[in-house]
Amino acid sequence: MLTVNELAIQSDAPSHVVRYYVRIGLILPADQQENGYRLFKTQDVSRIRFIRMAKNLGFTLNEIRQIIRHADVGESPCDDVRNIIQHRISENRIKIEEMLKLQARMEQALELWKLMPNGVPTGLSICHLIETIENSEE
């Protein structure tokens, strides 16, 4: 049996992360000592490592919880894992496209602004640089 700190050391995770996983129910103590220390099974080292690997692949904690639930009842979570990753890849491609468009707008704006003098707020204008871009897109 391992304490939170021992579990953290063996799973190479900060102890506050282990405590957080306990608080949200991703790992559960097997026992509790009279002094209040929670004790964990050595298998929880693997579970914490799994959680951290899944997070590193982009899975959310709720998705990881879903995967663990399947595994805990002896069901293969692999179909869910594939579906989640496929969905995440599609989302990422959309975000990447949006970011590339934003990057292009920013670079175009900067080029335009290099040719423009500094302005002073007039009460009607806050920053003519940004307002010029806004007007050119309308």
N, C-alpha and C. Protein backbone atom coordinates (compact mmCIF):
# COMPACT_ATOMS: atom_id res chain seq x y z
N MET A 1 0.84 -1.19 0.00
CA MET A 1 0.00 0.00 0.00
C MET A 1 0.89 1.25 0.00
N LEU A 2 0.42 2.26 -0.71
CA LEU A 2 1.20 3.48 -0.89
C LEU A 2 0.44 4.70 -0.39
N THR A 3 1.16 5.65 0.20
CA THR A 3 0.56 6.94 0.55
C THR A 3 0.52 7.80 -0.72
N VAL A 4 -0.13 8.95 -0.62
CA VAL A 4 -0.20 9.87 -1.76
C VAL A 4 1.21 10.23 -2.23
N ASN A 5 2.08 10.57 -1.29
CA ASN A 5 3.44 10.97 -1.68
C ASN A 5 4.22 9.83 -2.32
N GLU A 6 4.08 8.63 -1.77
CA GLU A 6 4.76 7.48 -2.36
C GLU A 6 4.21 7.18 -3.76
N LEU A 7 2.89 7.29 -3.89
CA LEU A 7 2.26 7.08 -5.19
C LEU A 7 2.74 8.12 -6.20
N ALA A 8 2.85 9.36 -5.75
CA ALA A 8 3.33 10.43 -6.62
C ALA A 8 4.75 10.16 -7.09
N ILE A 9 5.60 9.76 -6.18
CA ILE A 9 7.00 9.49 -6.53
C ILE A 9 7.09 8.33 -7.53
N GLN A 10 6.38 7.25 -7.24
CA GLN A 10 6.47 6.07 -8.10
C GLN A 10 5.83 6.29 -9.47
N SER A 11 4.83 7.17 -9.55
CA SER A 11 4.17 7.41 -10.83
C SER A 11 4.75 8.62 -11.55
N ASP A 12 5.75 9.24 -10.93
CA ASP A 12 6.40 10.42 -11.51
C ASP A 12 5.41 11.54 -11.79
N ALA A 13 4.52 11.76 -10.83
CA ALA A 13 3.52 12.82 -10.91
C ALA A 13 3.61 13.66 -9.65
N PRO A 14 3.36 14.96 -9.76
CA PRO A 14 3.35 15.78 -8.54
C PRO A 14 2.25 15.32 -7.59
N SER A 15 2.50 15.42 -6.30
CA SER A 15 1.52 14.94 -5.33
C SER A 15 0.20 15.70 -5.42
N HIS A 16 0.25 16.99 -5.80
CA HIS A 16 -1.02 17.73 -5.92
C HIS A 16 -1.86 17.19 -7.08
N VAL A 17 -1.21 16.64 -8.10
CA VAL A 17 -1.94 16.03 -9.22
C VAL A 17 -2.60 14.74 -8.74
N VAL A 18 -1.87 13.94 -7.97
CA VAL A 18 -2.43 12.71 -7.42
C VAL A 18 -3.65 13.05 -6.55
N ARG A 19 -3.52 14.05 -5.70
CA ARG A 19 -4.64 14.45 -4.84
C ARG A 19 -5.84 14.92 -5.67
N TYR A 20 -5.56 15.62 -6.75
CA TYR A 20 -6.63 16.08 -7.64
C TYR A 20 -7.34 14.89 -8.28
N TYR A 21 -6.57 13.93 -8.77
CA TYR A 21 -7.17 12.73 -9.37
C TYR A 21 -8.03 11.99 -8.35
N VAL A 22 -7.61 11.97 -7.10
CA VAL A 22 -8.40 11.35 -6.04
C VAL A 22 -9.69 12.16 -5.84
N ARG A 23 -9.56 13.47 -5.77
CA ARG A 23 -10.71 14.35 -5.52
C ARG A 23 -11.78 14.20 -6.61
N ILE A 24 -11.36 14.01 -7.87
CA ILE A 24 -12.33 13.89 -8.96
C ILE A 24 -12.70 12.44 -9.26
N GLY A 25 -12.14 11.51 -8.49
CA GLY A 25 -12.54 10.12 -8.59
C GLY A 25 -11.86 9.29 -9.66
N LEU A 26 -10.77 9.78 -10.24
CA LEU A 26 -10.05 8.97 -11.23
C LEU A 26 -9.25 7.84 -10.57
N ILE A 27 -8.81 8.07 -9.36
CA ILE A 27 -8.22 7.00 -8.55
C ILE A 27 -8.89 7.04 -7.19
N LEU A 28 -9.02 5.90 -6.59
CA LEU A 28 -9.71 5.80 -5.30
C LEU A 28 -8.79 5.13 -4.29
N PRO A 29 -8.74 5.64 -3.07
CA PRO A 29 -7.93 4.99 -2.05
C PRO A 29 -8.49 3.61 -1.73
N ALA A 30 -7.62 2.67 -1.48
CA ALA A 30 -8.03 1.32 -1.10
C ALA A 30 -8.34 1.25 0.38
N ASP A 31 -7.72 2.17 1.15
CA ASP A 31 -7.87 2.14 2.60
C ASP A 31 -7.49 3.51 3.14
N GLN A 32 -7.84 3.72 4.41
CA GLN A 32 -7.45 4.97 5.06
C GLN A 32 -6.97 4.64 6.48
N GLN A 33 -5.81 5.19 6.82
CA GLN A 33 -5.24 4.94 8.14
C GLN A 33 -5.96 5.78 9.18
N GLU A 34 -5.74 5.45 10.44
CA GLU A 34 -6.36 6.20 11.54
C GLU A 34 -5.95 7.67 11.53
N ASN A 35 -4.72 7.95 11.07
CA ASN A 35 -4.25 9.33 11.03
C ASN A 35 -4.78 10.11 9.82
N GLY A 36 -5.65 9.47 9.02
CA GLY A 36 -6.26 10.14 7.87
C GLY A 36 -5.53 9.93 6.56
N TYR A 37 -4.35 9.34 6.61
CA TYR A 37 -3.60 9.09 5.36
C TYR A 37 -4.36 8.08 4.51
N ARG A 38 -4.52 8.42 3.25
CA ARG A 38 -5.15 7.49 2.32
C ARG A 38 -4.08 6.57 1.75
N LEU A 39 -4.46 5.32 1.59
CA LEU A 39 -3.52 4.32 1.06
C LEU A 39 -4.03 3.80 -0.27
N PHE A 40 -3.10 3.58 -1.19
CA PHE A 40 -3.44 3.18 -2.54
C PHE A 40 -2.74 1.89 -2.90
N LYS A 41 -3.32 1.19 -3.86
CA LYS A 41 -2.72 -0.05 -4.36
C LYS A 41 -1.57 0.30 -5.30
N THR A 42 -0.65 -0.63 -5.43
CA THR A 42 0.48 -0.40 -6.35
C THR A 42 0.00 -0.29 -7.80
N GLN A 43 -1.17 -0.88 -8.14
CA GLN A 43 -1.71 -0.76 -9.49
C GLN A 43 -2.08 0.68 -9.83
N ASP A 44 -2.29 1.50 -8.81
CA ASP A 44 -2.63 2.90 -9.05
C ASP A 44 -1.48 3.67 -9.68
N VAL A 45 -0.26 3.17 -9.52
CA VAL A 45 0.89 3.78 -10.20
C VAL A 45 0.66 3.71 -11.71
N SER A 46 0.27 2.55 -12.19
CA SER A 46 -0.01 2.37 -13.62
C SER A 46 -1.18 3.23 -14.07
N ARG A 47 -2.19 3.33 -13.23
CA ARG A 47 -3.36 4.13 -13.58
C ARG A 47 -2.99 5.61 -13.74
N ILE A 48 -2.19 6.12 -12.82
CA ILE A 48 -1.77 7.52 -12.93
C ILE A 48 -0.92 7.73 -14.17
N ARG A 49 -0.02 6.81 -14.43
CA ARG A 49 0.80 6.92 -15.66
C ARG A 49 -0.09 6.90 -16.89
N PHE A 50 -1.10 6.02 -16.89
CA PHE A 50 -2.04 5.96 -18.01
C PHE A 50 -2.77 7.29 -18.18
N ILE A 51 -3.26 7.84 -17.09
CA ILE A 51 -4.00 9.12 -17.15
C ILE A 51 -3.11 10.20 -17.75
N ARG A 52 -1.88 10.25 -17.32
CA ARG A 52 -0.96 11.29 -17.82
C ARG A 52 -0.61 11.06 -19.29
N MET A 53 -0.47 9.81 -19.71
CA MET A 53 -0.21 9.53 -21.13
C MET A 53 -1.42 9.95 -21.97
N ALA A 54 -2.61 9.62 -21.49
CA ALA A 54 -3.84 9.98 -22.22
C ALA A 54 -3.99 11.49 -22.31
N LYS A 55 -3.69 12.19 -21.23
CA LYS A 55 -3.75 13.66 -21.25
C LYS A 55 -2.75 14.21 -22.26
N ASN A 56 -1.59 13.59 -22.33
CA ASN A 56 -0.55 14.02 -23.26
C ASN A 56 -0.99 13.82 -24.72
N LEU A 57 -1.91 12.89 -24.96
CA LEU A 57 -2.46 12.66 -26.29
C LEU A 57 -3.67 13.56 -26.58
N GLY A 58 -4.06 14.36 -25.59
CA GLY A 58 -5.15 15.30 -25.82
C GLY A 58 -6.49 14.87 -25.27
N PHE A 59 -6.56 13.74 -24.58
CA PHE A 59 -7.81 13.32 -23.99
C PHE A 59 -8.14 14.20 -22.79
N THR A 60 -9.42 14.52 -22.62
CA THR A 60 -9.85 15.27 -21.45
C THR A 60 -9.99 14.33 -20.26
N LEU A 61 -10.07 14.87 -19.07
CA LEU A 61 -10.23 14.02 -17.89
C LEU A 61 -11.56 13.28 -17.94
N ASN A 62 -12.61 13.91 -18.48
CA ASN A 62 -13.89 13.20 -18.61
C ASN A 62 -13.79 12.04 -19.59
N GLU A 63 -13.07 12.24 -20.68
CA GLU A 63 -12.88 11.15 -21.63
C GLU A 63 -12.06 10.03 -21.00
N ILE A 64 -11.06 10.41 -20.24
CA ILE A 64 -10.23 9.40 -19.55
C ILE A 64 -11.08 8.63 -18.55
N ARG A 65 -11.96 9.33 -17.86
CA ARG A 65 -12.86 8.67 -16.90
C ARG A 65 -13.72 7.63 -17.63
N GLN A 66 -14.24 8.00 -18.80
CA GLN A 66 -15.06 7.09 -19.61
C GLN A 66 -14.25 5.85 -20.03
N ILE A 67 -13.02 6.07 -20.46
CA ILE A 67 -12.15 4.97 -20.86
C ILE A 67 -11.89 4.03 -19.68
N ILE A 68 -11.58 4.62 -18.53
CA ILE A 68 -11.29 3.82 -17.33
C ILE A 68 -12.53 3.04 -16.89
N ARG A 69 -13.71 3.65 -16.99
CA ARG A 69 -14.94 2.92 -16.61
C ARG A 69 -15.10 1.65 -17.44
N HIS A 70 -14.87 1.77 -18.75
CA HIS A 70 -14.97 0.58 -19.60
C HIS A 70 -13.97 -0.48 -19.14
N ALA A 71 -12.74 -0.06 -18.93
CA ALA A 71 -11.71 -1.01 -18.52
C ALA A 71 -12.03 -1.64 -17.17
N ASP A 72 -12.58 -0.85 -16.24
CA ASP A 72 -12.87 -1.36 -14.90
C ASP A 72 -13.94 -2.45 -14.91
N VAL A 73 -14.82 -2.43 -15.92
CA VAL A 73 -15.85 -3.48 -15.99
C VAL A 73 -15.48 -4.56 -17.00
N GLY A 74 -14.23 -4.54 -17.45
CA GLY A 74 -13.73 -5.58 -18.33
C GLY A 74 -14.07 -5.40 -19.81
N GLU A 75 -14.54 -4.22 -20.18
CA GLU A 75 -14.85 -3.93 -21.59
C GLU A 75 -13.66 -3.24 -22.23
N SER A 76 -13.48 -3.50 -23.50
CA SER A 76 -12.41 -2.82 -24.23
C SER A 76 -12.82 -1.38 -24.52
N PRO A 77 -11.98 -0.42 -24.12
CA PRO A 77 -12.28 0.97 -24.43
C PRO A 77 -11.70 1.42 -25.77
N CYS A 78 -11.11 0.49 -26.51
CA CYS A 78 -10.35 0.86 -27.71
C CYS A 78 -11.20 1.55 -28.78
N ASP A 79 -12.45 1.10 -28.98
CA ASP A 79 -13.31 1.77 -29.96
C ASP A 79 -13.54 3.23 -29.57
N ASP A 80 -13.82 3.45 -28.28
CA ASP A 80 -14.00 4.82 -27.80
C ASP A 80 -12.73 5.64 -28.00
N VAL A 81 -11.60 5.05 -27.69
CA VAL A 81 -10.32 5.75 -27.83
C VAL A 81 -10.10 6.18 -29.28
N ARG A 82 -10.34 5.26 -30.21
CA ARG A 82 -10.18 5.61 -31.63
C ARG A 82 -11.14 6.71 -32.04
N ASN A 83 -12.41 6.59 -31.64
CA ASN A 83 -13.41 7.59 -32.01
C ASN A 83 -13.10 8.96 -31.44
N ILE A 84 -12.68 8.98 -30.19
CA ILE A 84 -12.34 10.26 -29.55
C ILE A 84 -11.16 10.91 -30.27
N ILE A 85 -10.12 10.13 -30.54
CA ILE A 85 -8.94 10.69 -31.22
C ILE A 85 -9.30 11.16 -32.63
N GLN A 86 -10.12 10.39 -33.35
CA GLN A 86 -10.52 10.81 -34.70
C GLN A 86 -11.27 12.13 -34.63
N HIS A 87 -12.16 12.26 -33.68
CA HIS A 87 -12.90 13.51 -33.50
C HIS A 87 -11.95 14.65 -33.15
N ARG A 88 -11.01 14.39 -32.27
CA ARG A 88 -10.06 15.42 -31.85
C ARG A 88 -9.17 15.86 -33.01
N ILE A 89 -8.77 14.91 -33.85
CA ILE A 89 -7.97 15.24 -35.03
C ILE A 89 -8.75 16.18 -35.94
N SER A 90 -10.03 15.87 -36.16
CA SER A 90 -10.87 16.73 -37.00
C SER A 90 -10.99 18.12 -36.40
N GLU A 91 -11.22 18.18 -35.09
CA GLU A 91 -11.30 19.49 -34.41
C GLU A 91 -9.99 20.25 -34.56
N ASN A 92 -8.87 19.57 -34.38
CA ASN A 92 -7.57 20.22 -34.47
C ASN A 92 -7.32 20.77 -35.87
N ARG A 93 -7.72 20.02 -36.90
CA ARG A 93 -7.52 20.50 -38.27
C ARG A 93 -8.29 21.79 -38.50
N ILE A 94 -9.50 21.87 -37.99
CA ILE A 94 -10.30 23.09 -38.11
C ILE A 94 -9.61 24.24 -37.38
N LYS A 95 -9.15 23.97 -36.16
CA LYS A 95 -8.46 25.01 -35.38
C LYS A 95 -7.19 25.46 -36.07
N ILE A 96 -6.46 24.52 -36.66
CA ILE A 96 -5.22 24.87 -37.36
C ILE A 96 -5.53 25.78 -38.55
N GLU A 97 -6.58 25.43 -39.31
CA GLU A 97 -6.97 26.26 -40.45
C GLU A 97 -7.36 27.67 -39.98
N GLU A 98 -8.12 27.74 -38.88
CA GLU A 98 -8.51 29.05 -38.33
C GLU A 98 -7.29 29.84 -37.88
N MET A 99 -6.35 29.16 -37.24
CA MET A 99 -5.13 29.83 -36.79
C MET A 99 -4.29 30.31 -37.96
N LEU A 100 -4.22 29.53 -39.03
CA LEU A 100 -3.46 29.97 -40.21
C LEU A 100 -4.10 31.20 -40.84
N LYS A 101 -5.43 31.23 -40.89
CA LYS A 101 -6.14 32.41 -41.42
C LYS A 101 -5.88 33.63 -40.53
N LEU A 102 -5.94 33.42 -39.22
CA LEU A 102 -5.66 34.51 -38.29
C LEU A 102 -4.23 35.01 -38.47
N GLN A 103 -3.29 34.08 -38.60
CA GLN A 103 -1.88 34.45 -38.79
C GLN A 103 -1.72 35.30 -40.05
N ALA A 104 -2.38 34.91 -41.12
CA ALA A 104 -2.30 35.66 -42.38
C ALA A 104 -2.89 37.06 -42.20
N ARG A 105 -4.05 37.16 -41.52
CA ARG A 105 -4.65 38.49 -41.27
C ARG A 105 -3.71 39.36 -40.45
N MET A 106 -3.09 38.76 -39.44
CA MET A 106 -2.18 39.52 -38.58
C MET A 106 -0.97 40.01 -39.37
N GLU A 107 -0.41 39.14 -40.19
CA GLU A 107 0.76 39.53 -40.99
C GLU A 107 0.40 40.61 -41.99
N GLN A 108 -0.77 40.51 -42.62
CA GLN A 108 -1.22 41.54 -43.56
C GLN A 108 -1.42 42.87 -42.84
N ALA A 109 -2.02 42.81 -41.66
CA ALA A 109 -2.24 44.03 -40.88
C ALA A 109 -0.92 44.68 -40.52
N LEU A 110 0.04 43.89 -40.08
CA LEU A 110 1.34 44.44 -39.69
C LEU A 110 2.02 45.11 -40.88
N GLU A 111 1.95 44.49 -42.04
CA GLU A 111 2.54 45.10 -43.24
C GLU A 111 1.89 46.43 -43.55
N LEU A 112 0.57 46.49 -43.47
CA LEU A 112 -0.15 47.73 -43.72
C LEU A 112 0.23 48.79 -42.68
N TRP A 113 0.33 48.38 -41.43
CA TRP A 113 0.60 49.31 -40.35
C TRP A 113 2.02 49.88 -40.41
N LYS A 114 2.94 49.15 -41.01
CA LYS A 114 4.31 49.66 -41.12
C LYS A 114 4.34 50.95 -41.92
N LEU A 115 3.41 51.12 -42.82
CA LEU A 115 3.36 52.30 -43.68
C LEU A 115 2.55 53.45 -43.07
N MET A 116 1.87 53.18 -41.95
CA MET A 116 0.98 54.18 -41.36
C MET A 116 1.64 54.88 -40.17
N PRO A 117 1.36 56.16 -40.02
CA PRO A 117 1.90 56.89 -38.86
C PRO A 117 1.12 56.53 -37.59
N ASN A 118 1.71 56.83 -36.45
CA ASN A 118 1.00 56.66 -35.19
C ASN A 118 -0.14 57.67 -35.15
N GLY A 119 -1.20 57.29 -34.49
CA GLY A 119 -2.34 58.19 -34.34
C GLY A 119 -2.60 58.47 -32.88
N VAL A 120 -3.41 59.48 -32.65
CA VAL A 120 -3.79 59.88 -31.30
C VAL A 120 -5.30 59.68 -31.17
N PRO A 121 -5.76 59.08 -30.06
CA PRO A 121 -7.20 58.91 -29.87
C PRO A 121 -7.92 60.25 -29.96
N THR A 122 -9.08 60.24 -30.63
CA THR A 122 -9.81 61.49 -30.85
C THR A 122 -11.15 61.52 -30.14
N GLY A 123 -11.52 60.48 -29.49
CA GLY A 123 -12.85 60.39 -28.92
C GLY A 123 -13.74 59.56 -29.83
N LEU A 124 -13.53 59.68 -31.12
CA LEU A 124 -14.22 58.84 -32.11
C LEU A 124 -13.34 57.67 -32.52
N SER A 125 -12.05 57.84 -32.35
CA SER A 125 -11.09 56.81 -32.72
C SER A 125 -10.28 56.41 -31.50
N ILE A 126 -10.06 55.13 -31.34
CA ILE A 126 -9.22 54.64 -30.24
C ILE A 126 -7.83 54.33 -30.78
N CYS A 127 -7.77 53.49 -31.81
CA CYS A 127 -6.51 53.17 -32.47
C CYS A 127 -6.81 52.99 -33.95
N HIS A 128 -6.38 53.95 -34.74
CA HIS A 128 -6.73 53.94 -36.17
C HIS A 128 -6.15 52.74 -36.90
N LEU A 129 -5.11 52.12 -36.34
CA LEU A 129 -4.54 50.94 -36.99
C LEU A 129 -5.59 49.82 -37.05
N ILE A 130 -6.13 49.47 -35.89
CA ILE A 130 -7.14 48.41 -35.83
C ILE A 130 -8.40 48.82 -36.57
N GLU A 131 -8.79 50.07 -36.41
CA GLU A 131 -10.01 50.55 -37.07
C GLU A 131 -9.88 50.53 -38.58
N THR A 132 -8.69 50.71 -39.09
CA THR A 132 -8.47 50.64 -40.53
C THR A 132 -8.71 49.21 -41.04
N ILE A 133 -8.26 48.24 -40.30
CA ILE A 133 -8.46 46.84 -40.68
C ILE A 133 -9.93 46.50 -40.66
N GLU A 134 -10.61 46.92 -39.59
CA GLU A 134 -12.02 46.65 -39.46
C GLU A 134 -12.78 47.24 -40.64
N ASN A 135 -12.45 48.47 -41.01
CA ASN A 135 -13.14 49.13 -42.12
C ASN A 135 -12.86 48.46 -43.45
N SER A 136 -11.68 47.90 -43.61
CA SER A 136 -11.34 47.29 -44.89
C SER A 136 -12.03 45.94 -45.08
N GLU A 137 -12.55 45.34 -44.00
CA GLU A 137 -13.22 44.05 -44.11
C GLU A 137 -14.72 44.19 -44.28
N GLU A 138 -15.26 45.39 -44.08
CA GLU A 138 -16.72 45.57 -44.14
C GLU A 138 -17.24 45.61 -45.53
